[in-house]
């Protein structure tokens, strides 16, 4: 049996009971190590499971899956995925290969960014298409994501933007020379992501991501004990220093125009300049007042009728 097991978002204890039972009964255990990361290392998993864990980089999963599937029709093999197994198409491909070899399989689900993003207060059923934002280079700045954001924007839907990570990536020179030398891991920060969004908006010029009138929420280390959410306009968020967001992983949400007043109220707890939902103005905390750009833009630009106003 091939088990595809979601690990959740934080540490070794986020695995489900069903997933842990499958791991403990498996002859081999692989950890997919390139679409996302846990907040703990492989050794913590091994200590918790009492078993060896084999790191499975991209090249193994995509071009050498026979090694993972070897004898999986005779013994149990576990393939561990951060978040939920269906968070990346690579894992669907692995299941299809197992099916072609008549290997039975079972998917054991877990929490992922796709449902945990509800922690920001926006309702999951108000989200449109999810998009990925890759690192720009001097010669490659793909903007196809902008079209998906625009489609969501035209429908008033929120957009989840998944920020790029680079693990076991080779430089062009090393790749050309066939040298298996890998670059240090890189994880896109919210500040860089917003910079790339605004650069794309300046190029496309369609008014979808106006920095002063577009509300957004950053999601940092979602589902962990150090989870951090920040809400504001793109301009406000772009002006925050990198250290305000902390270490990876990060995602970003663009708030849609059909945002509900309750969504605005809840996410307002994380607004730039707020403490406990009370906006700081001139160094003082405004009790019971909705001050600042988050509330102004929600009311005046998004047309959100907040309770107790008007």
Protein backbone atom coordinates (compact mmCIF):
# COMPACT_ATOMS: atom_id res chain seq x y z
CA UNK A 1 0.00 0.00 0.00
CA UNK A 2 1.16 3.50 -0.84
CA UNK A 3 0.10 6.03 1.77
CA UNK A 4 0.07 9.76 0.94
CA UNK A 5 -0.01 11.41 4.33
CA UNK A 6 -0.55 15.07 5.14
CA UNK A 7 1.62 16.39 7.97
CA UNK A 8 -0.25 19.62 8.68
CA UNK A 9 1.42 23.00 9.00
CA UNK A 10 3.59 23.17 12.10
CA UNK A 11 5.54 20.34 13.70
CA UNK A 12 5.82 16.58 14.15
CA UNK A 13 2.68 16.44 16.33
CA UNK A 14 0.32 17.78 13.65
CA UNK A 15 0.07 14.40 11.92
CA UNK A 16 -3.31 12.68 12.40
CA UNK A 17 -3.65 9.50 14.44
CA UNK A 18 -4.52 7.61 11.26
CA UNK A 19 -1.45 9.02 9.53
CA UNK A 20 0.83 8.14 12.45
CA UNK A 21 -0.46 4.57 12.49
CA UNK A 22 0.30 4.25 8.76
CA UNK A 23 3.81 5.65 9.25
CA UNK A 24 4.59 3.26 12.09
CA UNK A 25 3.50 0.31 9.96
CA UNK A 26 5.48 1.31 6.85
CA UNK A 27 8.70 -0.29 5.62
CA UNK A 28 9.88 2.95 4.01
CA UNK A 29 8.98 6.57 4.75
CA UNK A 30 9.64 9.44 2.33
CA UNK A 31 9.36 13.14 3.08
CA UNK A 32 8.61 15.39 0.11
CA UNK A 33 11.09 18.20 0.55
CA UNK A 34 10.48 20.92 -2.02
CA UNK A 35 6.90 22.23 -2.26
CA UNK A 36 6.77 23.36 1.37
CA UNK A 37 8.55 23.04 4.72
CA UNK A 38 7.64 22.15 8.28
CA UNK A 39 8.84 24.24 11.20
CA UNK A 40 10.93 21.26 12.41
CA UNK A 41 13.67 19.21 10.77
CA UNK A 42 13.73 15.60 9.62
CA UNK A 43 15.43 14.45 12.82
CA UNK A 44 12.47 15.64 14.91
CA UNK A 45 10.15 13.54 12.74
CA UNK A 46 12.40 10.49 13.04
CA UNK A 47 12.53 10.80 16.82
CA UNK A 48 8.74 11.07 17.00
CA UNK A 49 8.09 8.20 14.57
CA UNK A 50 10.92 5.99 15.81
CA UNK A 51 11.81 5.34 12.17
CA UNK A 52 14.15 6.59 9.46
CA UNK A 53 12.75 9.22 7.11
CA UNK A 54 14.13 9.51 3.56
CA UNK A 55 14.17 12.99 2.04
CA UNK A 56 12.55 12.99 -1.42
CA UNK A 57 13.74 15.99 -3.50
CA UNK A 58 12.01 17.12 -6.67
CA UNK A 59 14.15 15.01 -9.00
CA UNK A 60 13.32 11.81 -7.10
CA UNK A 61 9.57 12.44 -7.07
CA UNK A 62 9.28 13.64 -10.66
CA UNK A 63 11.82 11.45 -12.49
CA UNK A 64 12.66 8.55 -10.17
CA UNK A 65 9.30 7.69 -8.65
CA UNK A 66 9.97 3.99 -9.33
CA UNK A 67 12.29 4.07 -6.33
CA UNK A 68 9.45 5.33 -4.11
CA UNK A 69 6.94 2.84 -5.52
CA UNK A 70 9.30 -0.15 -5.40
CA UNK A 71 7.55 -3.17 -3.80
CA UNK A 72 4.68 -0.95 -2.62
CA UNK A 73 2.35 -3.73 -3.79
CA UNK A 74 3.97 -6.01 -1.17
CA UNK A 75 4.84 -3.68 1.72
CA UNK A 76 3.51 -0.40 3.06
CA UNK A 77 5.27 2.79 1.91
CA UNK A 78 4.49 6.24 3.33
CA UNK A 79 4.97 9.46 1.37
CA UNK A 80 4.77 12.47 3.68
CA UNK A 81 3.61 15.88 2.47
CA UNK A 82 3.61 19.15 4.41
CA UNK A 83 0.04 20.40 4.63
CA UNK A 84 -2.36 18.23 2.63
CA UNK A 85 -1.30 15.66 -0.02
CA UNK A 86 -3.33 17.38 -2.74
CA UNK A 87 -1.63 20.75 -2.26
CA UNK A 88 0.58 20.11 -5.30
CA UNK A 89 -0.03 18.39 -8.65
CA UNK A 90 3.15 16.34 -8.22
CA UNK A 91 1.38 14.20 -5.67
CA UNK A 92 -1.55 13.53 -7.97
CA UNK A 93 0.96 12.33 -10.55
CA UNK A 94 2.48 9.92 -8.02
CA UNK A 95 -0.95 8.42 -7.35
CA UNK A 96 -1.57 7.98 -11.07
CA UNK A 97 1.74 6.14 -11.44
CA UNK A 98 0.84 3.87 -8.55
CA UNK A 99 -2.53 3.16 -10.13
CA UNK A 100 -0.86 2.25 -13.42
CA UNK A 101 1.27 -0.31 -11.54
CA UNK A 102 -1.78 -1.72 -9.72
CA UNK A 103 -0.44 -0.51 -6.38
CA UNK A 104 -3.21 0.20 -3.87
CA UNK A 105 -3.08 3.66 -2.34
CA UNK A 106 -4.71 5.67 0.42
CA UNK A 107 -4.67 9.44 1.00
CA UNK A 108 -4.75 10.67 4.60
CA UNK A 109 -5.66 14.35 4.67
CA UNK A 110 -4.56 17.15 7.00
CA UNK A 111 -4.74 20.93 7.39
CA UNK A 112 -3.13 23.09 4.71
CA UNK A 113 -2.87 26.77 3.85
CA UNK A 114 -5.97 26.28 1.69
CA UNK A 115 -8.20 25.96 4.73
CA UNK A 116 -6.06 27.45 7.51
CA UNK A 117 -6.12 30.79 5.67
CA UNK A 118 -9.54 31.26 7.26
CA UNK A 119 -7.62 32.36 10.37
CA UNK A 120 -7.42 35.85 8.84
CA UNK A 121 -11.19 36.21 9.18
CA UNK A 122 -12.09 36.01 5.49
CA UNK A 123 -14.65 33.34 4.66
CA UNK A 124 -13.32 30.44 2.60
CA UNK A 125 -16.31 30.41 0.24
CA UNK A 126 -15.54 34.04 -0.73
CA UNK A 127 -12.18 33.08 -2.27
CA UNK A 128 -11.63 32.73 -6.00
CA UNK A 129 -8.70 31.14 -7.81
CA UNK A 130 -5.48 30.60 -5.88
CA UNK A 131 -2.31 31.77 -7.65
CA UNK A 132 1.43 31.29 -7.17
CA UNK A 133 3.99 34.09 -7.33
CA UNK A 134 7.51 33.10 -8.37
CA UNK A 135 10.77 34.94 -7.82
CA UNK A 136 11.37 37.45 -10.61
CA UNK A 137 14.76 37.60 -12.32
CA UNK A 138 16.31 40.27 -14.51
CA UNK A 139 15.16 38.40 -17.61
CA UNK A 140 12.04 36.54 -16.41
CA UNK A 141 9.06 38.27 -14.86
CA UNK A 142 5.99 36.15 -15.60
CA UNK A 143 2.70 37.97 -15.12
CA UNK A 144 0.10 35.30 -15.90
CA UNK A 145 -0.90 35.33 -12.22
CA UNK A 146 -2.20 38.88 -12.74
CA UNK A 147 -4.94 37.62 -15.06
CA UNK A 148 -6.23 35.22 -12.39
CA UNK A 149 -6.14 37.98 -9.75
CA UNK A 150 -8.05 40.23 -12.15
CA UNK A 151 -10.73 37.59 -12.73
CA UNK A 152 -11.21 37.25 -8.98
CA UNK A 153 -11.20 41.03 -8.59
CA UNK A 154 -13.90 41.47 -11.24
CA UNK A 155 -16.08 39.00 -9.32
CA UNK A 156 -15.35 40.59 -5.97
CA UNK A 157 -13.60 37.45 -4.70
CA UNK A 158 -10.57 37.20 -2.44
CA UNK A 159 -7.30 35.83 -3.85
CA UNK A 160 -4.81 33.63 -2.00
CA UNK A 161 -1.29 34.13 -3.35
CA UNK A 162 1.23 31.40 -2.54
CA UNK A 163 4.77 32.76 -2.34
CA UNK A 164 7.67 31.00 -4.02
CA UNK A 165 10.24 28.86 -2.25
CA UNK A 166 13.50 27.65 -3.79
CA UNK A 167 14.95 24.46 -2.30
CA UNK A 168 17.78 22.46 -3.93
CA UNK A 169 17.85 24.83 -6.90
CA UNK A 170 20.88 24.98 -9.21
CA UNK A 171 22.39 28.09 -10.77
CA UNK A 172 22.28 28.26 -14.56
CA UNK A 173 26.05 27.83 -14.70
CA UNK A 174 26.09 24.73 -12.50
CA UNK A 175 23.15 23.28 -14.37
CA UNK A 176 24.86 23.86 -17.73
CA UNK A 177 28.07 22.25 -16.47
CA UNK A 178 26.23 19.30 -14.94
CA UNK A 179 27.47 20.09 -11.44
CA UNK A 180 25.21 18.95 -8.61
CA UNK A 181 25.80 22.09 -6.58
CA UNK A 182 22.71 23.64 -5.05
CA UNK A 183 21.97 27.23 -4.11
CA UNK A 184 21.02 28.08 -0.51
CA UNK A 185 17.26 27.81 0.16
CA UNK A 186 15.24 30.98 -0.51
CA UNK A 187 11.77 31.86 0.68
CA UNK A 188 9.84 34.80 -0.71
CA UNK A 189 8.92 37.41 1.89
CA UNK A 190 5.66 39.41 1.89
CA UNK A 191 7.66 42.60 1.23
CA UNK A 192 9.23 41.14 -1.92
CA UNK A 193 5.91 39.68 -3.03
CA UNK A 194 4.15 43.04 -2.75
CA UNK A 195 7.03 44.71 -4.59
CA UNK A 196 6.60 42.26 -7.47
CA UNK A 197 2.82 42.73 -7.47
CA UNK A 198 3.19 46.49 -7.74
CA UNK A 199 5.85 46.16 -10.43
CA UNK A 200 3.45 43.99 -12.43
CA UNK A 201 0.60 46.46 -11.90
CA UNK A 202 2.82 49.29 -13.14
CA UNK A 203 3.58 47.25 -16.27
CA UNK A 204 0.03 46.07 -16.93
CA UNK A 205 -1.66 49.29 -15.81
CA UNK A 206 -5.16 47.82 -15.46
CA UNK A 207 -5.89 49.21 -12.00
CA UNK A 208 -6.39 45.82 -10.34
CA UNK A 209 -3.73 46.28 -7.65
CA UNK A 210 -3.79 49.97 -6.86
CA UNK A 211 -1.40 50.22 -3.90
CA UNK A 212 -3.41 52.80 -1.94
CA UNK A 213 -6.88 51.30 -2.41
CA UNK A 214 -6.23 47.55 -2.38
CA UNK A 215 -6.57 45.78 0.96
CA UNK A 216 -4.40 42.77 1.67
CA UNK A 217 -3.47 40.42 4.51
CA UNK A 218 -0.12 38.71 5.02
CA UNK A 219 -0.09 35.21 6.54
CA UNK A 220 3.17 34.20 8.20
CA UNK A 221 3.87 30.74 9.66
CA UNK A 222 0.19 29.86 9.48
CA UNK A 223 -0.93 27.21 11.96
CA UNK A 224 2.16 27.50 14.18
CA UNK A 225 2.73 28.96 17.63
CA UNK A 226 4.42 31.98 15.99
CA UNK A 227 1.64 32.66 13.48
CA UNK A 228 1.52 36.33 12.49
CA UNK A 229 -1.10 38.15 10.41
CA UNK A 230 -0.85 41.76 9.17
CA UNK A 231 -3.63 43.63 7.36
CA UNK A 232 -3.63 46.92 5.49
CA UNK A 233 -3.35 48.48 2.07
CA UNK A 234 -0.60 47.27 -0.23
CA UNK A 235 1.16 50.57 0.38
CA UNK A 236 1.07 50.11 4.16
CA UNK A 237 2.28 46.53 4.01
CA UNK A 238 5.04 47.40 1.53
CA UNK A 239 6.42 49.98 3.98
CA UNK A 240 6.86 47.49 6.82
CA UNK A 241 10.42 46.25 7.37
CA UNK A 242 11.23 42.61 6.53
CA UNK A 243 11.70 41.74 10.19
CA UNK A 244 8.09 42.67 10.94
CA UNK A 245 6.98 39.53 9.11
CA UNK A 246 9.57 37.19 10.61
CA UNK A 247 10.87 33.92 9.14
CA UNK A 248 9.04 31.80 6.51
CA UNK A 249 6.68 30.46 5.38
CA UNK A 250 4.51 33.32 4.08
CA UNK A 251 1.39 33.76 1.97
CA UNK A 252 -0.61 36.82 0.92
CA UNK A 253 -4.33 37.49 0.48
CA UNK A 254 -5.80 40.18 -1.76
CA UNK A 255 -9.17 41.23 -0.33
CA UNK A 256 -12.06 41.18 -2.81
CA UNK A 257 -14.60 43.98 -3.22
CA UNK A 258 -17.49 41.83 -1.96
CA UNK A 259 -15.91 41.65 1.48
CA UNK A 260 -18.49 41.30 4.26
CA UNK A 261 -18.52 43.72 7.23
CA UNK A 262 -17.83 40.83 9.62
CA UNK A 263 -14.76 39.91 7.59
CA UNK A 264 -13.52 43.50 7.82
CA UNK A 265 -14.15 43.56 11.58
CA UNK A 266 -12.30 40.32 12.22
CA UNK A 267 -9.32 41.08 9.99
CA UNK A 268 -9.19 44.57 11.50
CA UNK A 269 -7.65 42.93 14.57
CA UNK A 270 -4.50 42.54 12.46
CA UNK A 271 -4.53 45.98 10.82
CA UNK A 272 -1.25 47.88 10.63
CA UNK A 273 -1.02 50.14 13.67
CA UNK A 274 -3.55 48.17 15.69
CA UNK A 275 -3.19 46.42 19.01
CA UNK A 276 -6.06 44.13 19.83
CA UNK A 277 -8.18 45.75 17.17
CA UNK A 278 -7.71 49.30 18.51
CA UNK A 279 -6.01 51.63 16.08
CA UNK A 280 -3.09 53.70 17.31
CA UNK A 281 -3.32 57.40 16.48
CA UNK A 282 -0.69 59.82 17.73
CA UNK A 283 0.67 57.20 20.11
CA UNK A 284 -2.72 56.66 21.78
CA UNK A 285 -5.05 53.75 21.42
CA UNK A 286 -8.46 54.81 20.12
CA UNK A 287 -11.05 52.94 22.17
CA UNK A 288 -14.01 51.83 20.10
CA UNK A 289 -12.91 53.80 17.04
CA UNK A 290 -12.23 52.49 13.56
CA UNK A 291 -9.30 54.63 12.55
CA UNK A 292 -6.63 54.15 9.92
CA UNK A 293 -6.41 53.04 6.32
CA UNK A 294 -7.82 49.53 6.77
CA UNK A 295 -11.16 50.91 7.92
CA UNK A 296 -11.19 53.95 5.62
CA UNK A 297 -10.53 51.94 2.47
CA UNK A 298 -13.00 49.23 3.49
CA UNK A 299 -15.71 51.88 3.93
CA UNK A 300 -14.92 54.42 1.21
CA UNK A 301 -13.45 52.25 -1.55
CA UNK A 302 -14.92 48.81 -0.94
CA UNK A 303 -18.31 50.23 0.08
CA UNK A 304 -18.44 48.11 3.21
CA UNK A 305 -21.17 49.27 5.61
CA UNK A 306 -19.71 48.72 9.06
CA UNK A 307 -22.04 48.17 11.99
CA UNK A 308 -22.65 51.31 14.01
CA UNK A 309 -21.66 53.66 11.17
CA UNK A 310 -23.72 55.57 8.67
